[in-house]
Amino acid sequence: MQSENPLIADFVKLANAAAGTFAGMTREAREGARERIKATVGGLDFVSREEFDAVKDMASRAREDSERLAARVAALEAKLASGGNPAV
């Protein structure tokens, strides 16, 4: 059922144009915000998960080596204190 009144038809056209404009503005605002977030986050110095895991593994191995060397030093110091030969 379509109205023959030109005033109503003009109002409907105006409403449709406003809705289209609003949708475009919303889309542009969303894309602009997304670009600003990308620029902000891109400037930060993040590491990848693989890099983080690799460094974590290296730190774990270094800690194990340190503990092993500390035990070896303690054993050598104990031998030296008891008057034994420190060569291992």
PDB file of N, CA and C in Angstrom:
ATOM      1  N   MET A   1       0.840  -1.159   0.000  1.00  0.00           N
ATOM      2  CA  MET A   1       0.000   0.000   0.000  1.00  0.00           C
ATOM      3  C   MET A   1       0.893   1.232   0.000  1.00  0.00           C
ATOM      4  N   GLN A   2       0.972   1.908  -1.089  1.00  0.00           N
ATOM      5  CA  GLN A   2       1.845   3.050  -1.256  1.00  0.00           C
ATOM      6  C   GLN A   2       1.027   4.333  -1.209  1.00  0.00           C
ATOM      7  N   SER A   3       1.584   5.309  -0.526  1.00  0.00           N
ATOM      8  CA  SER A   3       0.874   6.574  -0.373  1.00  0.00           C
ATOM      9  C   SER A   3       1.079   7.437  -1.611  1.00  0.00           C
ATOM     10  N   GLU A   4       0.060   8.161  -1.960  1.00  0.00           N
ATOM     11  CA  GLU A   4       0.136   9.087  -3.093  1.00  0.00           C
ATOM     12  C   GLU A   4       0.549  10.487  -2.643  1.00  0.00           C
ATOM     13  N   ASN A   5       0.707  10.662  -1.356  1.00  0.00           N
ATOM     14  CA  ASN A   5       1.054  11.967  -0.816  1.00  0.00           C
ATOM     15  C   ASN A   5       2.545  12.234  -1.043  1.00  0.00           C
ATOM     16  N   PRO A   6       2.906  13.279  -1.800  1.00  0.00           N
ATOM     17  CA  PRO A   6       4.319  13.564  -2.074  1.00  0.00           C
ATOM     18  C   PRO A   6       5.095  13.959  -0.811  1.00  0.00           C
ATOM     19  N   LEU A   7       4.441  14.529   0.165  1.00  0.00           N
ATOM     20  CA  LEU A   7       5.110  14.902   1.405  1.00  0.00           C
ATOM     21  C   LEU A   7       5.595  13.655   2.136  1.00  0.00           C
ATOM     22  N   ILE A   8       4.750  12.642   2.196  1.00  0.00           N
ATOM     23  CA  ILE A   8       5.127  11.385   2.856  1.00  0.00           C
ATOM     24  C   ILE A   8       6.224  10.693   2.062  1.00  0.00           C
ATOM     25  N   ALA A   9       6.130  10.690   0.735  1.00  0.00           N
ATOM     26  CA  ALA A   9       7.158  10.069  -0.098  1.00  0.00           C
ATOM     27  C   ALA A   9       8.497  10.770   0.099  1.00  0.00           C
ATOM     28  N   ASP A  10       8.497  12.093   0.193  1.00  0.00           N
ATOM     29  CA  ASP A  10       9.729  12.835   0.424  1.00  0.00           C
ATOM     30  C   ASP A  10      10.300  12.523   1.813  1.00  0.00           C
ATOM     31  N   PHE A  11       9.422  12.406   2.776  1.00  0.00           N
ATOM     32  CA  PHE A  11       9.863  12.073   4.135  1.00  0.00           C
ATOM     33  C   PHE A  11      10.503  10.684   4.178  1.00  0.00           C
ATOM     34  N   VAL A  12       9.906   9.726   3.468  1.00  0.00           N
ATOM     35  CA  VAL A  12      10.451   8.366   3.420  1.00  0.00           C
ATOM     36  C   VAL A  12      11.823   8.381   2.748  1.00  0.00           C
ATOM     37  N   LYS A  13      11.965   9.138   1.654  1.00  0.00           N
ATOM     38  CA  LYS A  13      13.261   9.250   0.972  1.00  0.00           C
ATOM     39  C   LYS A  13      14.311   9.859   1.903  1.00  0.00           C
ATOM     40  N   LEU A  14      13.921  10.889   2.633  1.00  0.00           N
ATOM     41  CA  LEU A  14      14.821  11.539   3.575  1.00  0.00           C
ATOM     42  C   LEU A  14      15.244  10.575   4.685  1.00  0.00           C
ATOM     43  N   ALA A  15      14.279   9.811   5.194  1.00  0.00           N
ATOM     44  CA  ALA A  15      14.581   8.842   6.250  1.00  0.00           C
ATOM     45  C   ALA A  15      15.529   7.764   5.734  1.00  0.00           C
ATOM     46  N   ASN A  16      15.300   7.279   4.516  1.00  0.00           N
ATOM     47  CA  ASN A  16      16.183   6.267   3.934  1.00  0.00           C
ATOM     48  C   ASN A  16      17.590   6.820   3.722  1.00  0.00           C
ATOM     49  N   ALA A  17      17.680   8.052   3.230  1.00  0.00           N
ATOM     50  CA  ALA A  17      18.992   8.670   3.023  1.00  0.00           C
ATOM     51  C   ALA A  17      19.707   8.868   4.353  1.00  0.00           C
ATOM     52  N   ALA A  18      18.987   9.270   5.380  1.00  0.00           N
ATOM     53  CA  ALA A  18      19.584   9.463   6.701  1.00  0.00           C
ATOM     54  C   ALA A  18      20.084   8.131   7.264  1.00  0.00           C
ATOM     55  N   ALA A  19      19.301   7.083   7.074  1.00  0.00           N
ATOM     56  CA  ALA A  19      19.712   5.766   7.564  1.00  0.00           C
ATOM     57  C   ALA A  19      20.984   5.310   6.847  1.00  0.00           C
ATOM     58  N   GLY A  20      21.041   5.521   5.535  1.00  0.00           N
ATOM     59  CA  GLY A  20      22.237   5.152   4.781  1.00  0.00           C
ATOM     60  C   GLY A  20      23.452   5.947   5.216  1.00  0.00           C
ATOM     61  N   THR A  21      23.258   7.231   5.434  1.00  0.00           N
ATOM     62  CA  THR A  21      24.355   8.094   5.887  1.00  0.00           C
ATOM     63  C   THR A  21      24.826   7.663   7.265  1.00  0.00           C
ATOM     64  N   PHE A  22      23.889   7.378   8.153  1.00  0.00           N
ATOM     65  CA  PHE A  22      24.248   6.936   9.504  1.00  0.00           C
ATOM     66  C   PHE A  22      25.018   5.622   9.458  1.00  0.00           C
ATOM     67  N   ALA A  23      24.595   4.686   8.604  1.00  0.00           N
ATOM     68  CA  ALA A  23      25.296   3.402   8.481  1.00  0.00           C
ATOM     69  C   ALA A  23      26.715   3.625   7.969  1.00  0.00           C
ATOM     70  N   GLY A  24      26.866   4.524   6.998  1.00  0.00           N
ATOM     71  CA  GLY A  24      28.204   4.836   6.480  1.00  0.00           C
ATOM     72  C   GLY A  24      29.088   5.472   7.528  1.00  0.00           C
ATOM     73  N   MET A  25      28.516   6.399   8.307  1.00  0.00           N
ATOM     74  CA  MET A  25      29.291   7.043   9.373  1.00  0.00           C
ATOM     75  C   MET A  25      29.713   6.026  10.427  1.00  0.00           C
ATOM     76  N   THR A  26      28.822   5.117  10.754  1.00  0.00           N
ATOM     77  CA  THR A  26      29.143   4.080  11.733  1.00  0.00           C
ATOM     78  C   THR A  26      30.280   3.206  11.224  1.00  0.00           C
ATOM     79  N   ARG A  27      30.195   2.811   9.959  1.00  0.00           N
ATOM     80  CA  ARG A  27      31.230   1.963   9.352  1.00  0.00           C
ATOM     81  C   ARG A  27      32.578   2.691   9.349  1.00  0.00           C
ATOM     82  N   GLU A  28      32.577   3.972   8.972  1.00  0.00           N
ATOM     83  CA  GLU A  28      33.815   4.748   8.944  1.00  0.00           C
ATOM     84  C   GLU A  28      34.403   4.913  10.344  1.00  0.00           C
ATOM     85  N   ALA A  29      33.553   5.152  11.328  1.00  0.00           N
ATOM     86  CA  ALA A  29      34.032   5.300  12.702  1.00  0.00           C
ATOM     87  C   ALA A  29      34.654   4.000  13.195  1.00  0.00           C
ATOM     88  N   ARG A  30      34.014   2.877  12.887  1.00  0.00           N
ATOM     89  CA  ARG A  30      34.528   1.575  13.300  1.00  0.00           C
ATOM     90  C   ARG A  30      35.888   1.307  12.665  1.00  0.00           C
ATOM     91  N   GLU A  31      36.004   1.578  11.354  1.00  0.00           N
ATOM     92  CA  GLU A  31      37.262   1.346  10.646  1.00  0.00           C
ATOM     93  C   GLU A  31      38.358   2.288  11.150  1.00  0.00           C
ATOM     94  N   GLY A  32      37.994   3.529  11.421  1.00  0.00           N
ATOM     95  CA  GLY A  32      38.971   4.480  11.955  1.00  0.00           C
ATOM     96  C   GLY A  32      39.483   4.054  13.321  1.00  0.00           C
ATOM     97  N   ALA A  33      38.584   3.614  14.177  1.00  0.00           N
ATOM     98  CA  ALA A  33      38.994   3.140  15.504  1.00  0.00           C
ATOM     99  C   ALA A  33      39.880   1.912  15.382  1.00  0.00           C
ATOM    100  N   ARG A  34      39.528   1.018  14.475  1.00  0.00           N
ATOM    101  CA  ARG A  34      40.326  -0.193  14.271  1.00  0.00           C
ATOM    102  C   ARG A  34      41.746   0.170  13.817  1.00  0.00           C
ATOM    103  N   GLU A  35      41.863   1.134  12.910  1.00  0.00           N
ATOM    104  CA  GLU A  35      43.176   1.570  12.426  1.00  0.00           C
ATOM    105  C   GLU A  35      43.992   2.224  13.539  1.00  0.00           C
ATOM    106  N   ARG A  36      43.338   3.046  14.372  1.00  0.00           N
ATOM    107  CA  ARG A  36      44.045   3.674  15.480  1.00  0.00           C
ATOM    108  C   ARG A  36      44.538   2.639  16.484  1.00  0.00           C
ATOM    109  N   ILE A  37      43.723   1.627  16.746  1.00  0.00           N
ATOM    110  CA  ILE A  37      44.139   0.568  17.671  1.00  0.00           C
ATOM    111  C   ILE A  37      45.307  -0.206  17.089  1.00  0.00           C
ATOM    112  N   LYS A  38      45.250  -0.530  15.790  1.00  0.00           N
ATOM    113  CA  LYS A  38      46.361  -1.230  15.148  1.00  0.00           C
ATOM    114  C   LYS A  38      47.644  -0.421  15.234  1.00  0.00           C
ATOM    115  N   ALA A  39      47.552   0.884  14.997  1.00  0.00           N
ATOM    116  CA  ALA A  39      48.738   1.746  15.050  1.00  0.00           C
ATOM    117  C   ALA A  39      49.303   1.795  16.469  1.00  0.00           C
ATOM    118  N   THR A  40      48.422   1.868  17.462  1.00  0.00           N
ATOM    119  CA  THR A  40      48.863   1.923  18.848  1.00  0.00           C
ATOM    120  C   THR A  40      49.500   0.603  19.267  1.00  0.00           C
ATOM    121  N   VAL A  41      48.834  -0.486  18.999  1.00  0.00           N
ATOM    122  CA  VAL A  41      49.344  -1.800  19.393  1.00  0.00           C
ATOM    123  C   VAL A  41      50.576  -2.165  18.572  1.00  0.00           C
ATOM    124  N   GLY A  42      50.601  -1.767  17.311  1.00  0.00           N
ATOM    125  CA  GLY A  42      51.745  -2.065  16.461  1.00  0.00           C
ATOM    126  C   GLY A  42      53.004  -1.371  16.935  1.00  0.00           C
ATOM    127  N   GLY A  43      52.859  -0.240  17.588  1.00  0.00           N
ATOM    128  CA  GLY A  43      54.013   0.483  18.096  1.00  0.00           C
ATOM    129  C   GLY A  43      54.572  -0.099  19.379  1.00  0.00           C
ATOM    130  N   LEU A  44      53.810  -0.931  20.049  1.00  0.00           N
ATOM    131  CA  LEU A  44      54.284  -1.553  21.282  1.00  0.00           C
ATOM    132  C   LEU A  44      55.223  -2.702  20.940  1.00  0.00           C
ATOM    133  N   ASP A  45      56.087  -3.032  21.861  1.00  0.00           N
ATOM    134  CA  ASP A  45      57.109  -4.040  21.612  1.00  0.00           C
ATOM    135  C   ASP A  45      56.673  -5.375  22.218  1.00  0.00           C
ATOM    136  N   PHE A  46      55.845  -6.107  21.499  1.00  0.00           N
ATOM    137  CA  PHE A  46      55.381  -7.405  21.949  1.00  0.00           C
ATOM    138  C   PHE A  46      56.247  -8.502  21.355  1.00  0.00           C
ATOM    139  N   VAL A  47      56.295  -9.637  22.019  1.00  0.00           N
ATOM    140  CA  VAL A  47      57.011 -10.798  21.469  1.00  0.00           C
ATOM    141  C   VAL A  47      55.984 -11.865  21.113  1.00  0.00           C
ATOM    142  N   SER A  48      56.359 -12.718  20.192  1.00  0.00           N
ATOM    143  CA  SER A  48      55.449 -13.796  19.808  1.00  0.00           C
ATOM    144  C   SER A  48      55.478 -14.883  20.879  1.00  0.00           C
ATOM    145  N   ARG A  49      54.502 -15.739  20.835  1.00  0.00           N
ATOM    146  CA  ARG A  49      54.416 -16.832  21.802  1.00  0.00           C
ATOM    147  C   ARG A  49      55.614 -17.759  21.654  1.00  0.00           C
ATOM    148  N   GLU A  50      56.058 -17.994  20.410  1.00  0.00           N
ATOM    149  CA  GLU A  50      57.201 -18.868  20.163  1.00  0.00           C
ATOM    150  C   GLU A  50      58.472 -18.289  20.783  1.00  0.00           C
ATOM    151  N   GLU A  51      58.673 -16.967  20.621  1.00  0.00           N
ATOM    152  CA  GLU A  51      59.851 -16.325  21.212  1.00  0.00           C
ATOM    153  C   GLU A  51      59.804 -16.410  22.735  1.00  0.00           C
ATOM    154  N   PHE A  52      58.631 -16.186  23.306  1.00  0.00           N
ATOM    155  CA  PHE A  52      58.484 -16.254  24.750  1.00  0.00           C
ATOM    156  C   PHE A  52      58.812 -17.652  25.263  1.00  0.00           C
ATOM    157  N   ASP A  53      58.266 -18.679  24.591  1.00  0.00           N
ATOM    158  CA  ASP A  53      58.529 -20.056  25.015  1.00  0.00           C
ATOM    159  C   ASP A  53      60.002 -20.414  24.872  1.00  0.00           C
ATOM    160  N   ALA A  54      60.659 -19.927  23.811  1.00  0.00           N
ATOM    161  CA  ALA A  54      62.086 -20.216  23.614  1.00  0.00           C
ATOM    162  C   ALA A  54      62.915 -19.605  24.737  1.00  0.00           C
ATOM    163  N   VAL A  55      62.631 -18.361  25.102  1.00  0.00           N
ATOM    164  CA  VAL A  55      63.382 -17.711  26.181  1.00  0.00           C
ATOM    165  C   VAL A  55      63.081 -18.379  27.515  1.00  0.00           C
ATOM    166  N   LYS A  56      61.853 -18.799  27.702  1.00  0.00           N
ATOM    167  CA  LYS A  56      61.476 -19.494  28.945  1.00  0.00           C
ATOM    168  C   LYS A  56      62.255 -20.797  29.076  1.00  0.00           C
ATOM    169  N   ASP A  57      62.383 -21.547  27.969  1.00  0.00           N
ATOM    170  CA  ASP A  57      63.160 -22.789  27.986  1.00  0.00           C
ATOM    171  C   ASP A  57      64.639 -22.517  28.262  1.00  0.00           C
ATOM    172  N   MET A  58      65.176 -21.463  27.648  1.00  0.00           N
ATOM    173  CA  MET A  58      66.584 -21.105  27.879  1.00  0.00           C
ATOM    174  C   MET A  58      66.806 -20.754  29.352  1.00  0.00           C
ATOM    175  N   ALA A  59      65.893 -20.015  29.953  1.00  0.00           N
ATOM    176  CA  ALA A  59      66.016 -19.636  31.358  1.00  0.00           C
ATOM    177  C   ALA A  59      65.944 -20.862  32.257  1.00  0.00           C
ATOM    178  N   SER A  60      65.078 -21.794  31.905  1.00  0.00           N
ATOM    179  CA  SER A  60      64.953 -23.021  32.690  1.00  0.00           C
ATOM    180  C   SER A  60      66.253 -23.825  32.637  1.00  0.00           C
ATOM    181  N   ARG A  61      66.817 -23.951  31.419  1.00  0.00           N
ATOM    182  CA  ARG A  61      68.095 -24.684  31.284  1.00  0.00           C
ATOM    183  C   ARG A  61      69.217 -23.959  32.027  1.00  0.00           C
ATOM    184  N   ALA A  62      69.245 -22.642  31.969  1.00  0.00           N
ATOM    185  CA  ALA A  62      70.273 -21.872  32.673  1.00  0.00           C
ATOM    186  C   ALA A  62      70.140 -22.067  34.187  1.00  0.00           C
ATOM    187  N   ARG A  63      68.916 -22.101  34.693  1.00  0.00           N
ATOM    188  CA  ARG A  63      68.690 -22.334  36.116  1.00  0.00           C
ATOM    189  C   ARG A  63      69.179 -23.717  36.520  1.00  0.00           C
ATOM    190  N   GLU A  64      68.890 -24.736  35.694  1.00  0.00           N
ATOM    191  CA  GLU A  64      69.356 -26.097  35.986  1.00  0.00           C
ATOM    192  C   GLU A  64      70.881 -26.165  35.987  1.00  0.00           C
ATOM    193  N   ASP A  65      71.517 -25.505  34.998  1.00  0.00           N
ATOM    194  CA  ASP A  65      72.988 -25.472  34.938  1.00  0.00           C
ATOM    195  C   ASP A  65      73.558 -24.789  36.171  1.00  0.00           C
ATOM    196  N   SER A  66      72.923 -23.690  36.574  1.00  0.00           N
ATOM    197  CA  SER A  66      73.387 -22.962  37.753  1.00  0.00           C
ATOM    198  C   SER A  66      73.300 -23.826  39.006  1.00  0.00           C
ATOM    199  N   GLU A  67      72.204 -24.538  39.164  1.00  0.00           N
ATOM    200  CA  GLU A  67      72.037 -25.412  40.329  1.00  0.00           C
ATOM    201  C   GLU A  67      73.062 -26.545  40.310  1.00  0.00           C
ATOM    202  N   ARG A  68      73.303 -27.096  39.124  1.00  0.00           N
ATOM    203  CA  ARG A  68      74.280 -28.185  38.997  1.00  0.00           C
ATOM    204  C   ARG A  68      75.689 -27.670  39.323  1.00  0.00           C
ATOM    205  N   LEU A  69      76.038 -26.478  38.826  1.00  0.00           N
ATOM    206  CA  LEU A  69      77.351 -25.906  39.115  1.00  0.00           C
ATOM    207  C   LEU A  69      77.493 -25.537  40.589  1.00  0.00           C
ATOM    208  N   ALA A  70      76.423 -25.042  41.201  1.00  0.00           N
ATOM    209  CA  ALA A  70      76.464 -24.709  42.632  1.00  0.00           C
ATOM    210  C   ALA A  70      76.712 -25.959  43.455  1.00  0.00           C
ATOM    211  N   ALA A  71      76.090 -27.070  43.077  1.00  0.00           N
ATOM    212  CA  ALA A  71      76.306 -28.330  43.797  1.00  0.00           C
ATOM    213  C   ALA A  71      77.742 -28.806  43.603  1.00  0.00           C
ATOM    214  N   ARG A  72      78.270 -28.636  42.401  1.00  0.00           N
ATOM    215  CA  ARG A  72      79.652 -29.050  42.131  1.00  0.00           C
ATOM    216  C   ARG A  72      80.634 -28.194  42.932  1.00  0.00           C
ATOM    217  N   VAL A  73      80.410 -26.889  43.002  1.00  0.00           N
ATOM    218  CA  VAL A  73      81.274 -26.008  43.787  1.00  0.00           C
ATOM    219  C   VAL A  73      81.207 -26.393  45.260  1.00  0.00           C
ATOM    220  N   ALA A  74      80.012 -26.677  45.749  1.00  0.00           N
ATOM    221  CA  ALA A  74      79.862 -27.068  47.154  1.00  0.00           C
ATOM    222  C   ALA A  74      80.633 -28.354  47.431  1.00  0.00           C
ATOM    223  N   ALA A  75      80.567 -29.318  46.502  1.00  0.00           N
ATOM    224  CA  ALA A  75      81.288 -30.577  46.688  1.00  0.00           C
ATOM    225  C   ALA A  75      82.794 -30.328  46.672  1.00  0.00           C
ATOM    226  N   LEU A  76      83.281 -29.490  45.781  1.00  0.00           N
ATOM    227  CA  LEU A  76      84.711 -29.180  45.722  1.00  0.00           C
ATOM    228  C   LEU A  76      85.166 -28.452  46.972  1.00  0.00           C
ATOM    229  N   GLU A  77      84.350 -27.527  47.465  1.00  0.00           N
ATOM    230  CA  GLU A  77      84.707 -26.816  48.692  1.00  0.00           C
ATOM    231  C   GLU A  77      84.752 -27.770  49.891  1.00  0.00           C
ATOM    232  N   ALA A  78      83.822 -28.723  49.896  1.00  0.00           N
ATOM    233  CA  ALA A  78      83.814 -29.694  50.996  1.00  0.00           C
ATOM    234  C   ALA A  78      85.072 -30.563  50.938  1.00  0.00           C
ATOM    235  N   LYS A  79      85.475 -30.989  49.739  1.00  0.00           N
ATOM    236  CA  LYS A  79      86.697 -31.796  49.591  1.00  0.00           C
ATOM    237  C   LYS A  79      87.911 -30.986  50.019  1.00  0.00           C
ATOM    238  N   LEU A  80      87.953 -29.730  49.620  1.00  0.00           N
ATOM    239  CA  LEU A  80      89.074 -28.869  49.938  1.00  0.00           C
ATOM    240  C   LEU A  80      89.160 -28.648  51.442  1.00  0.00           C
ATOM    241  N   ALA A  81      88.018 -28.459  52.068  1.00  0.00           N
ATOM    242  CA  ALA A  81      87.988 -28.237  53.523  1.00  0.00           C
ATOM    243  C   ALA A  81      88.421 -29.494  54.281  1.00  0.00           C
ATOM    244  N   SER A  82      88.147 -30.668  53.727  1.00  0.00           N
ATOM    245  CA  SER A  82      88.505 -31.910  54.413  1.00  0.00           C
ATOM    246  C   SER A  82      89.946 -32.304  54.117  1.00  0.00           C
ATOM    247  N   GLY A  83      90.625 -31.526  53.265  1.00  0.00           N
ATOM    248  CA  GLY A  83      92.031 -31.802  52.968  1.00  0.00           C
ATOM    249  C   GLY A  83      92.212 -32.776  51.833  1.00  0.00           C
ATOM    250  N   GLY A  84      91.153 -33.088  51.114  1.00  0.00           N
ATOM    251  CA  GLY A  84      91.244 -34.024  49.993  1.00  0.00           C
ATOM    252  C   GLY A  84      91.709 -33.332  48.722  1.00  0.00           C
ATOM    253  N   ASN A  85      91.861 -34.109  47.678  1.00  0.00           N
ATOM    254  CA  ASN A  85      92.270 -33.586  46.374  1.00  0.00           C
ATOM    255  C   ASN A  85      91.046 -32.951  45.708  1.00  0.00           C
ATOM    256  N   PRO A  86      91.080 -31.637  45.353  1.00  0.00           N
ATOM    257  CA  PRO A  86      89.914 -30.982  44.793  1.00  0.00           C
ATOM    258  C   PRO A  86      89.632 -31.322  43.349  1.00  0.00           C
ATOM    259  N   ALA A  87      90.492 -32.022  42.676  1.00  0.00           N
ATOM    260  CA  ALA A  87      90.272 -32.356  41.254  1.00  0.00           C
ATOM    261  C   ALA A  87      89.113 -33.314  41.119  1.00  0.00           C
ATOM    262  N   VAL A  88      88.177 -33.011  40.248  1.00  0.00           N
ATOM    263  CA  VAL A  88      86.993 -33.871  40.053  1.00  0.00           C
ATOM    264  C   VAL A  88      86.982 -34.396  38.654  1.00  0.00           C
TER     265      VAL A  88
END
